[in-house]
């Protein structure tokens, strides 16, 4: 898969992950793409170690599931790291 295709995959996977997770994660399209690309990379790494799967083809259901799953993990960690502070 080419670099541009990987960026598009990351952007879409990040947007889907934001839609799946409840609450307001904030960030614009660039943050969504960045978190999605990091999530797609994480999903590819975890997929190759745990399931012997990889991110090879853009239109593969396996590729999309790994990318979205990785993006969800990255968004959850990002939410824990940048948790909102309560003001009283």
PDB file of N, CA and C in Angstrom:
ATOM      1  N   UNK A   1       0.856  -1.163   0.000  1.00  0.00           N
ATOM      2  CA  UNK A   1       0.000   0.000   0.000  1.00  0.00           C
ATOM      3  C   UNK A   1       0.905   1.229   0.000  1.00  0.00           C
ATOM      4  N   UNK A   2       0.565   2.203  -0.822  1.00  0.00           N
ATOM      5  CA  UNK A   2       1.361   3.403  -0.940  1.00  0.00           C
ATOM      6  C   UNK A   2       1.160   4.374   0.217  1.00  0.00           C
ATOM      7  N   UNK A   3       2.013   5.381   0.249  1.00  0.00           N
ATOM      8  CA  UNK A   3       1.994   6.359   1.332  1.00  0.00           C
ATOM      9  C   UNK A   3       0.690   7.152   1.369  1.00  0.00           C
ATOM     10  N   UNK A   4       0.213   7.610   0.222  1.00  0.00           N
ATOM     11  CA  UNK A   4      -1.032   8.386   0.157  1.00  0.00           C
ATOM     12  C   UNK A   4      -2.216   7.514   0.571  1.00  0.00           C
ATOM     13  N   UNK A   5      -2.233   6.275   0.129  1.00  0.00           N
ATOM     14  CA  UNK A   5      -3.306   5.359   0.514  1.00  0.00           C
ATOM     15  C   UNK A   5      -3.289   5.117   2.022  1.00  0.00           C
ATOM     16  N   UNK A   6      -2.100   5.030   2.612  1.00  0.00           N
ATOM     17  CA  UNK A   6      -1.991   4.838   4.051  1.00  0.00           C
ATOM     18  C   UNK A   6      -2.505   6.066   4.804  1.00  0.00           C
ATOM     19  N   UNK A   7      -2.237   7.276   4.292  1.00  0.00           N
ATOM     20  CA  UNK A   7      -2.763   8.498   4.905  1.00  0.00           C
ATOM     21  C   UNK A   7      -4.284   8.554   4.820  1.00  0.00           C
ATOM     22  N   UNK A   8      -4.830   8.180   3.675  1.00  0.00           N
ATOM     23  CA  UNK A   8      -6.283   8.156   3.511  1.00  0.00           C
ATOM     24  C   UNK A   8      -6.896   7.120   4.450  1.00  0.00           C
ATOM     25  N   UNK A   9      -6.284   5.948   4.538  1.00  0.00           N
ATOM     26  CA  UNK A   9      -6.743   4.917   5.455  1.00  0.00           C
ATOM     27  C   UNK A   9      -6.727   5.436   6.888  1.00  0.00           C
ATOM     28  N   UNK A  10      -5.660   6.110   7.288  1.00  0.00           N
ATOM     29  CA  UNK A  10      -5.558   6.660   8.633  1.00  0.00           C
ATOM     30  C   UNK A  10      -6.600   7.719   8.920  1.00  0.00           C
ATOM     31  N   UNK A  11      -6.853   8.592   7.953  1.00  0.00           N
ATOM     32  CA  UNK A  11      -7.860   9.642   8.133  1.00  0.00           C
ATOM     33  C   UNK A  11      -9.245   9.041   8.317  1.00  0.00           C
ATOM     34  N   UNK A  12      -9.585   8.103   7.472  1.00  0.00           N
ATOM     35  CA  UNK A  12     -10.913   7.480   7.560  1.00  0.00           C
ATOM     36  C   UNK A  12     -11.029   6.622   8.816  1.00  0.00           C
ATOM     37  N   UNK A  13      -9.974   5.864   9.139  1.00  0.00           N
ATOM     38  CA  UNK A  13     -10.002   5.030  10.346  1.00  0.00           C
ATOM     39  C   UNK A  13     -10.103   5.902  11.593  1.00  0.00           C
ATOM     40  N   UNK A  14      -9.401   7.016  11.618  1.00  0.00           N
ATOM     41  CA  UNK A  14      -9.486   7.936  12.751  1.00  0.00           C
ATOM     42  C   UNK A  14     -10.877   8.534  12.889  1.00  0.00           C
ATOM     43  N   UNK A  15     -11.489   8.904  11.766  1.00  0.00           N
ATOM     44  CA  UNK A  15     -12.852   9.459  11.812  1.00  0.00           C
ATOM     45  C   UNK A  15     -13.855   8.412  12.285  1.00  0.00           C
ATOM     46  N   UNK A  16     -13.708   7.181  11.831  1.00  0.00           N
ATOM     47  CA  UNK A  16     -14.613   6.111  12.267  1.00  0.00           C
ATOM     48  C   UNK A  16     -14.410   5.829  13.753  1.00  0.00           C
ATOM     49  N   UNK A  17     -13.158   5.825  14.207  1.00  0.00           N
ATOM     50  CA  UNK A  17     -12.883   5.587  15.623  1.00  0.00           C
ATOM     51  C   UNK A  17     -13.487   6.693  16.488  1.00  0.00           C
ATOM     52  N   UNK A  18     -13.401   7.948  16.029  1.00  0.00           N
ATOM     53  CA  UNK A  18     -14.013   9.057  16.763  1.00  0.00           C
ATOM     54  C   UNK A  18     -15.524   8.911  16.808  1.00  0.00           C
ATOM     55  N   UNK A  19     -16.109   8.409  15.731  1.00  0.00           N
ATOM     56  CA  UNK A  19     -17.565   8.222  15.700  1.00  0.00           C
ATOM     57  C   UNK A  19     -17.998   7.079  16.609  1.00  0.00           C
ATOM     58  N   UNK A  20     -17.154   6.057  16.755  1.00  0.00           N
ATOM     59  CA  UNK A  20     -17.497   4.904  17.592  1.00  0.00           C
ATOM     60  C   UNK A  20     -17.382   5.251  19.071  1.00  0.00           C
ATOM     61  N   UNK A  21     -16.325   5.979  19.437  1.00  0.00           N
ATOM     62  CA  UNK A  21     -16.100   6.294  20.845  1.00  0.00           C
ATOM     63  C   UNK A  21     -17.050   7.389  21.313  1.00  0.00           C
ATOM     64  N   UNK A  22     -17.619   7.224  22.506  1.00  0.00           N
ATOM     65  CA  UNK A  22     -18.510   8.261  23.020  1.00  0.00           C
ATOM     66  C   UNK A  22     -17.712   9.466  23.518  1.00  0.00           C
ATOM     67  N   UNK A  23     -18.386  10.609  23.590  1.00  0.00           N
ATOM     68  CA  UNK A  23     -17.750  11.810  24.119  1.00  0.00           C
ATOM     69  C   UNK A  23     -17.128  12.654  23.027  1.00  0.00           C
ATOM     70  N   UNK A  24     -16.536  13.741  23.446  1.00  0.00           N
ATOM     71  CA  UNK A  24     -15.921  14.691  22.528  1.00  0.00           C
ATOM     72  C   UNK A  24     -14.407  14.559  22.635  1.00  0.00           C
ATOM     73  N   UNK A  25     -13.769  14.034  21.600  1.00  0.00           N
ATOM     74  CA  UNK A  25     -12.324  13.867  21.613  1.00  0.00           C
ATOM     75  C   UNK A  25     -11.594  15.128  21.175  1.00  0.00           C
ATOM     76  N   UNK A  26     -12.286  16.031  20.535  1.00  0.00           N
ATOM     77  CA  UNK A  26     -11.653  17.262  20.070  1.00  0.00           C
ATOM     78  C   UNK A  26     -10.710  16.997  18.911  1.00  0.00           C
ATOM     79  N   UNK A  27     -10.028  18.046  18.503  1.00  0.00           N
ATOM     80  CA  UNK A  27      -9.074  17.914  17.401  1.00  0.00           C
ATOM     81  C   UNK A  27      -9.767  18.071  16.064  1.00  0.00           C
ATOM     82  N   UNK A  28      -9.041  18.588  15.113  1.00  0.00           N
ATOM     83  CA  UNK A  28      -9.570  18.776  13.767  1.00  0.00           C
ATOM     84  C   UNK A  28      -9.210  17.619  12.871  1.00  0.00           C
ATOM     85  N   UNK A  29      -9.254  17.883  11.572  1.00  0.00           N
ATOM     86  CA  UNK A  29      -9.003  16.805  10.622  1.00  0.00           C
ATOM     87  C   UNK A  29      -7.543  16.365  10.653  1.00  0.00           C
ATOM     88  N   UNK A  30      -6.621  17.314  10.929  1.00  0.00           N
ATOM     89  CA  UNK A  30      -5.209  16.944  10.986  1.00  0.00           C
ATOM     90  C   UNK A  30      -4.928  16.034  12.181  1.00  0.00           C
ATOM     91  N   UNK A  31      -5.485  16.366  13.347  1.00  0.00           N
ATOM     92  CA  UNK A  31      -5.314  15.516  14.532  1.00  0.00           C
ATOM     93  C   UNK A  31      -5.965  14.157  14.307  1.00  0.00           C
ATOM     94  N   UNK A  32      -7.121  14.155  13.641  1.00  0.00           N
ATOM     95  CA  UNK A  32      -7.793  12.897  13.324  1.00  0.00           C
ATOM     96  C   UNK A  32      -6.920  12.039  12.419  1.00  0.00           C
ATOM     97  N   UNK A  33      -6.317  12.657  11.399  1.00  0.00           N
ATOM     98  CA  UNK A  33      -5.463  11.911  10.486  1.00  0.00           C
ATOM     99  C   UNK A  33      -4.219  11.408  11.208  1.00  0.00           C
ATOM    100  N   UNK A  34      -3.619  12.246  12.019  1.00  0.00           N
ATOM    101  CA  UNK A  34      -2.415  11.845  12.732  1.00  0.00           C
ATOM    102  C   UNK A  34      -2.693  10.683  13.685  1.00  0.00           C
ATOM    103  N   UNK A  35      -3.758  10.791  14.473  1.00  0.00           N
ATOM    104  CA  UNK A  35      -4.115   9.711  15.388  1.00  0.00           C
ATOM    105  C   UNK A  35      -4.539   8.454  14.622  1.00  0.00           C
ATOM    106  N   UNK A  36      -5.216   8.639  13.492  1.00  0.00           N
ATOM    107  CA  UNK A  36      -5.612   7.500  12.675  1.00  0.00           C
ATOM    108  C   UNK A  36      -4.430   6.783  12.051  1.00  0.00           C
ATOM    109  N   UNK A  37      -3.446   7.530  11.577  1.00  0.00           N
ATOM    110  CA  UNK A  37      -2.258   6.919  10.987  1.00  0.00           C
ATOM    111  C   UNK A  37      -1.453   6.188  12.061  1.00  0.00           C
ATOM    112  N   UNK A  38      -1.306   6.824  13.231  1.00  0.00           N
ATOM    113  CA  UNK A  38      -0.618   6.151  14.338  1.00  0.00           C
ATOM    114  C   UNK A  38      -1.390   4.891  14.734  1.00  0.00           C
ATOM    115  N   UNK A  39      -2.720   5.003  14.777  1.00  0.00           N
ATOM    116  CA  UNK A  39      -3.551   3.848  15.100  1.00  0.00           C
ATOM    117  C   UNK A  39      -3.456   2.749  14.067  1.00  0.00           C
ATOM    118  N   UNK A  40      -3.394   3.122  12.793  1.00  0.00           N
ATOM    119  CA  UNK A  40      -3.247   2.124  11.736  1.00  0.00           C
ATOM    120  C   UNK A  40      -1.904   1.414  11.855  1.00  0.00           C
ATOM    121  N   UNK A  41      -0.857   2.174  12.182  1.00  0.00           N
ATOM    122  CA  UNK A  41       0.452   1.557  12.385  1.00  0.00           C
ATOM    123  C   UNK A  41       0.420   0.614  13.588  1.00  0.00           C
ATOM    124  N   UNK A  42      -0.191   1.059  14.678  1.00  0.00           N
ATOM    125  CA  UNK A  42      -0.310   0.217  15.861  1.00  0.00           C
ATOM    126  C   UNK A  42      -1.135  -1.032  15.554  1.00  0.00           C
ATOM    127  N   UNK A  43      -2.243  -0.854  14.840  1.00  0.00           N
ATOM    128  CA  UNK A  43      -3.065  -2.000  14.459  1.00  0.00           C
ATOM    129  C   UNK A  43      -2.308  -2.979  13.585  1.00  0.00           C
ATOM    130  N   UNK A  44      -1.494  -2.477  12.665  1.00  0.00           N
ATOM    131  CA  UNK A  44      -0.689  -3.347  11.818  1.00  0.00           C
ATOM    132  C   UNK A  44       0.354  -4.111  12.612  1.00  0.00           C
ATOM    133  N   UNK A  45       0.993  -3.432  13.569  1.00  0.00           N
ATOM    134  CA  UNK A  45       2.005  -4.092  14.402  1.00  0.00           C
ATOM    135  C   UNK A  45       1.358  -5.154  15.281  1.00  0.00           C
ATOM    136  N   UNK A  46       0.270  -4.775  15.970  1.00  0.00           N
ATOM    137  CA  UNK A  46      -0.417  -5.749  16.826  1.00  0.00           C
ATOM    138  C   UNK A  46      -0.996  -6.903  16.013  1.00  0.00           C
ATOM    139  N   UNK A  47      -1.542  -6.586  14.843  1.00  0.00           N
ATOM    140  CA  UNK A  47      -2.095  -7.628  13.984  1.00  0.00           C
ATOM    141  C   UNK A  47      -1.050  -8.614  13.511  1.00  0.00           C
ATOM    142  N   UNK A  48       0.144  -8.107  13.194  1.00  0.00           N
ATOM    143  CA  UNK A  48       1.194  -9.014  12.731  1.00  0.00           C
ATOM    144  C   UNK A  48       1.723  -9.881  13.865  1.00  0.00           C
ATOM    145  N   UNK A  49       1.798  -9.327  15.072  1.00  0.00           N
ATOM    146  CA  UNK A  49       2.295 -10.123  16.202  1.00  0.00           C
ATOM    147  C   UNK A  49       1.256 -11.107  16.720  1.00  0.00           C
ATOM    148  N   UNK A  50       0.008 -10.655  16.853  1.00  0.00           N
ATOM    149  CA  UNK A  50      -1.009 -11.488  17.481  1.00  0.00           C
ATOM    150  C   UNK A  50      -1.718 -12.428  16.514  1.00  0.00           C
ATOM    151  N   UNK A  51      -1.998 -11.948  15.301  1.00  0.00           N
ATOM    152  CA  UNK A  51      -2.835 -12.712  14.374  1.00  0.00           C
ATOM    153  C   UNK A  51      -2.135 -13.084  13.076  1.00  0.00           C
ATOM    154  N   UNK A  52      -0.860 -12.729  12.936  1.00  0.00           N
ATOM    155  CA  UNK A  52      -0.120 -12.962  11.696  1.00  0.00           C
ATOM    156  C   UNK A  52      -0.830 -12.313  10.502  1.00  0.00           C
ATOM    157  N   UNK A  53      -1.372 -11.114  10.744  1.00  0.00           N
ATOM    158  CA  UNK A  53      -2.084 -10.360   9.713  1.00  0.00           C
ATOM    159  C   UNK A  53      -1.315  -9.061   9.451  1.00  0.00           C
ATOM    160  N   UNK A  54      -1.529  -8.468   8.297  1.00  0.00           N
ATOM    161  CA  UNK A  54      -0.818  -7.234   7.973  1.00  0.00           C
ATOM    162  C   UNK A  54      -1.719  -6.273   7.212  1.00  0.00           C
ATOM    163  N   UNK A  55      -1.220  -5.059   7.031  1.00  0.00           N
ATOM    164  CA  UNK A  55      -1.936  -4.024   6.284  1.00  0.00           C
ATOM    165  C   UNK A  55      -1.352  -3.960   4.877  1.00  0.00           C
ATOM    166  N   UNK A  56      -1.770  -4.867   4.017  1.00  0.00           N
ATOM    167  CA  UNK A  56      -1.186  -4.920   2.680  1.00  0.00           C
ATOM    168  C   UNK A  56      -2.068  -4.306   1.611  1.00  0.00           C
ATOM    169  N   UNK A  57      -3.358  -4.571   1.632  1.00  0.00           N
ATOM    170  CA  UNK A  57      -4.242  -4.091   0.583  1.00  0.00           C
ATOM    171  C   UNK A  57      -5.243  -3.093   1.143  1.00  0.00           C
ATOM    172  N   UNK A  58      -5.481  -2.025   0.402  1.00  0.00           N
ATOM    173  CA  UNK A  58      -6.361  -0.952   0.860  1.00  0.00           C
ATOM    174  C   UNK A  58      -7.795  -1.418   1.025  1.00  0.00           C
ATOM    175  N   UNK A  59      -8.284  -2.242   0.131  1.00  0.00           N
ATOM    176  CA  UNK A  59      -9.697  -2.645   0.154  1.00  0.00           C
ATOM    177  C   UNK A  59      -9.956  -3.936   0.926  1.00  0.00           C
ATOM    178  N   UNK A  60      -9.016  -4.359   1.744  1.00  0.00           N
ATOM    179  CA  UNK A  60      -9.179  -5.569   2.524  1.00  0.00           C
ATOM    180  C   UNK A  60      -9.912  -5.266   3.837  1.00  0.00           C
ATOM    181  N   UNK A  61     -10.891  -6.099   4.183  1.00  0.00           N
ATOM    182  CA  UNK A  61     -11.615  -5.927   5.447  1.00  0.00           C
ATOM    183  C   UNK A  61     -10.670  -6.073   6.633  1.00  0.00           C
ATOM    184  N   UNK A  62      -9.707  -6.942   6.515  1.00  0.00           N
ATOM    185  CA  UNK A  62      -8.701  -7.135   7.562  1.00  0.00           C
ATOM    186  C   UNK A  62      -7.918  -5.846   7.803  1.00  0.00           C
ATOM    187  N   UNK A  63      -7.522  -5.166   6.747  1.00  0.00           N
ATOM    188  CA  UNK A  63      -6.783  -3.911   6.864  1.00  0.00           C
ATOM    189  C   UNK A  63      -7.602  -2.870   7.597  1.00  0.00           C
ATOM    190  N   UNK A  64      -8.864  -2.729   7.227  1.00  0.00           N
ATOM    191  CA  UNK A  64      -9.726  -1.729   7.849  1.00  0.00           C
ATOM    192  C   UNK A  64     -10.008  -2.057   9.304  1.00  0.00           C
ATOM    193  N   UNK A  65     -10.228  -3.328   9.620  1.00  0.00           N
ATOM    194  CA  UNK A  65     -10.491  -3.713  11.013  1.00  0.00           C
ATOM    195  C   UNK A  65      -9.271  -3.435  11.885  1.00  0.00           C
ATOM    196  N   UNK A  66      -8.085  -3.767  11.406  1.00  0.00           N
ATOM    197  CA  UNK A  66      -6.871  -3.502  12.175  1.00  0.00           C
ATOM    198  C   UNK A  66      -6.630  -2.004  12.341  1.00  0.00           C
ATOM    199  N   UNK A  67      -6.843  -1.231  11.283  1.00  0.00           N
ATOM    200  CA  UNK A  67      -6.619   0.212  11.356  1.00  0.00           C
ATOM    201  C   UNK A  67      -7.613   0.882  12.297  1.00  0.00           C
ATOM    202  N   UNK A  68      -8.868   0.514  12.219  1.00  0.00           N
ATOM    203  CA  UNK A  68      -9.880   1.114  13.096  1.00  0.00           C
ATOM    204  C   UNK A  68      -9.655   0.683  14.539  1.00  0.00           C
ATOM    205  N   UNK A  69      -9.333  -0.594  14.750  1.00  0.00           N
ATOM    206  CA  UNK A  69      -9.039  -1.066  16.107  1.00  0.00           C
ATOM    207  C   UNK A  69      -7.840  -0.350  16.708  1.00  0.00           C
ATOM    208  N   UNK A  70      -6.800  -0.186  15.921  1.00  0.00           N
ATOM    209  CA  UNK A  70      -5.627   0.555  16.395  1.00  0.00           C
ATOM    210  C   UNK A  70      -5.945   2.008  16.680  1.00  0.00           C
ATOM    211  N   UNK A  71      -6.768   2.635  15.834  1.00  0.00           N
ATOM    212  CA  UNK A  71      -7.151   4.031  16.045  1.00  0.00           C
ATOM    213  C   UNK A  71      -7.982   4.184  17.317  1.00  0.00           C
ATOM    214  N   UNK A  72      -8.841   3.220  17.602  1.00  0.00           N
ATOM    215  CA  UNK A  72      -9.622   3.261  18.845  1.00  0.00           C
ATOM    216  C   UNK A  72      -8.694   3.174  20.048  1.00  0.00           C
ATOM    217  N   UNK A  73      -7.708   2.291  19.992  1.00  0.00           N
ATOM    218  CA  UNK A  73      -6.747   2.171  21.097  1.00  0.00           C
ATOM    219  C   UNK A  73      -5.995   3.479  21.287  1.00  0.00           C
ATOM    220  N   UNK A  74      -5.529   4.076  20.191  1.00  0.00           N
ATOM    221  CA  UNK A  74      -4.777   5.332  20.279  1.00  0.00           C
ATOM    222  C   UNK A  74      -5.664   6.445  20.828  1.00  0.00           C
ATOM    223  N   UNK A  75      -6.920   6.519  20.396  1.00  0.00           N
ATOM    224  CA  UNK A  75      -7.821   7.551  20.922  1.00  0.00           C
ATOM    225  C   UNK A  75      -8.105   7.353  22.407  1.00  0.00           C
ATOM    226  N   UNK A  76      -8.249   6.110  22.844  1.00  0.00           N
ATOM    227  CA  UNK A  76      -8.458   5.854  24.270  1.00  0.00           C
ATOM    228  C   UNK A  76      -7.242   6.286  25.086  1.00  0.00           C
ATOM    229  N   UNK A  77      -6.053   5.935  24.614  1.00  0.00           N
ATOM    230  CA  UNK A  77      -4.836   6.341  25.323  1.00  0.00           C
ATOM    231  C   UNK A  77      -4.689   7.861  25.298  1.00  0.00           C
ATOM    232  N   UNK A  78      -4.967   8.484  24.155  1.00  0.00           N
ATOM    233  CA  UNK A  78      -4.889   9.935  24.033  1.00  0.00           C
ATOM    234  C   UNK A  78      -5.861  10.610  25.013  1.00  0.00           C
ATOM    235  N   UNK A  79      -7.050  10.050  25.157  1.00  0.00           N
ATOM    236  CA  UNK A  79      -8.020  10.594  26.100  1.00  0.00           C
ATOM    237  C   UNK A  79      -7.558  10.465  27.540  1.00  0.00           C
ATOM    238  N   UNK A  80      -6.874   9.371  27.853  1.00  0.00           N
ATOM    239  CA  UNK A  80      -6.347   9.206  29.213  1.00  0.00           C
ATOM    240  C   UNK A  80      -5.191  10.168  29.489  1.00  0.00           C
ATOM    241  N   UNK A  81      -4.354  10.373  28.487  1.00  0.00           N
ATOM    242  CA  UNK A  81      -3.189  11.251  28.663  1.00  0.00           C
ATOM    243  C   UNK A  81      -3.618  12.709  28.759  1.00  0.00           C
ATOM    244  N   UNK A  82      -4.535  13.122  27.899  1.00  0.00           N
ATOM    245  CA  UNK A  82      -4.949  14.531  27.856  1.00  0.00           C
ATOM    246  C   UNK A  82      -6.301  14.730  28.520  1.00  0.00           C
ATOM    247  N   UNK A  83      -6.616  13.923  29.518  1.00  0.00           N
ATOM    248  CA  UNK A  83      -7.919  14.007  30.184  1.00  0.00           C
ATOM    249  C   UNK A  83      -8.277  15.430  30.581  1.00  0.00           C
ATOM    250  N   UNK A  84      -9.553  15.723  30.466  1.00  0.00           N
ATOM    251  CA  UNK A  84     -10.013  17.080  30.788  1.00  0.00           C
ATOM    252  C   UNK A  84      -9.968  17.302  32.282  1.00  0.00           C
ATOM    253  N   UNK A  85      -9.533  18.495  32.650  1.00  0.00           N
ATOM    254  CA  UNK A  85      -9.472  18.848  34.050  1.00  0.00           C
ATOM    255  C   UNK A  85     -10.796  19.507  34.449  1.00  0.00           C
ATOM    256  N   UNK A  86     -11.302  19.105  35.601  1.00  0.00           N
ATOM    257  CA  UNK A  86     -12.560  19.676  36.080  1.00  0.00           C
ATOM    258  C   UNK A  86     -12.290  20.978  36.805  1.00  0.00           C
ATOM    259  N   UNK A  87     -13.133  21.944  36.564  1.00  0.00           N
ATOM    260  CA  UNK A  87     -13.030  23.207  37.296  1.00  0.00           C
ATOM    261  C   UNK A  87     -14.211  23.310  38.241  1.00  0.00           C
ATOM    262  N   UNK A  88     -13.923  23.657  39.481  1.00  0.00           N
ATOM    263  CA  UNK A  88     -14.997  23.716  40.472  1.00  0.00           C
ATOM    264  C   UNK A  88     -15.293  25.133  40.845  1.00  0.00           C
TER     265      UNK A  88
END
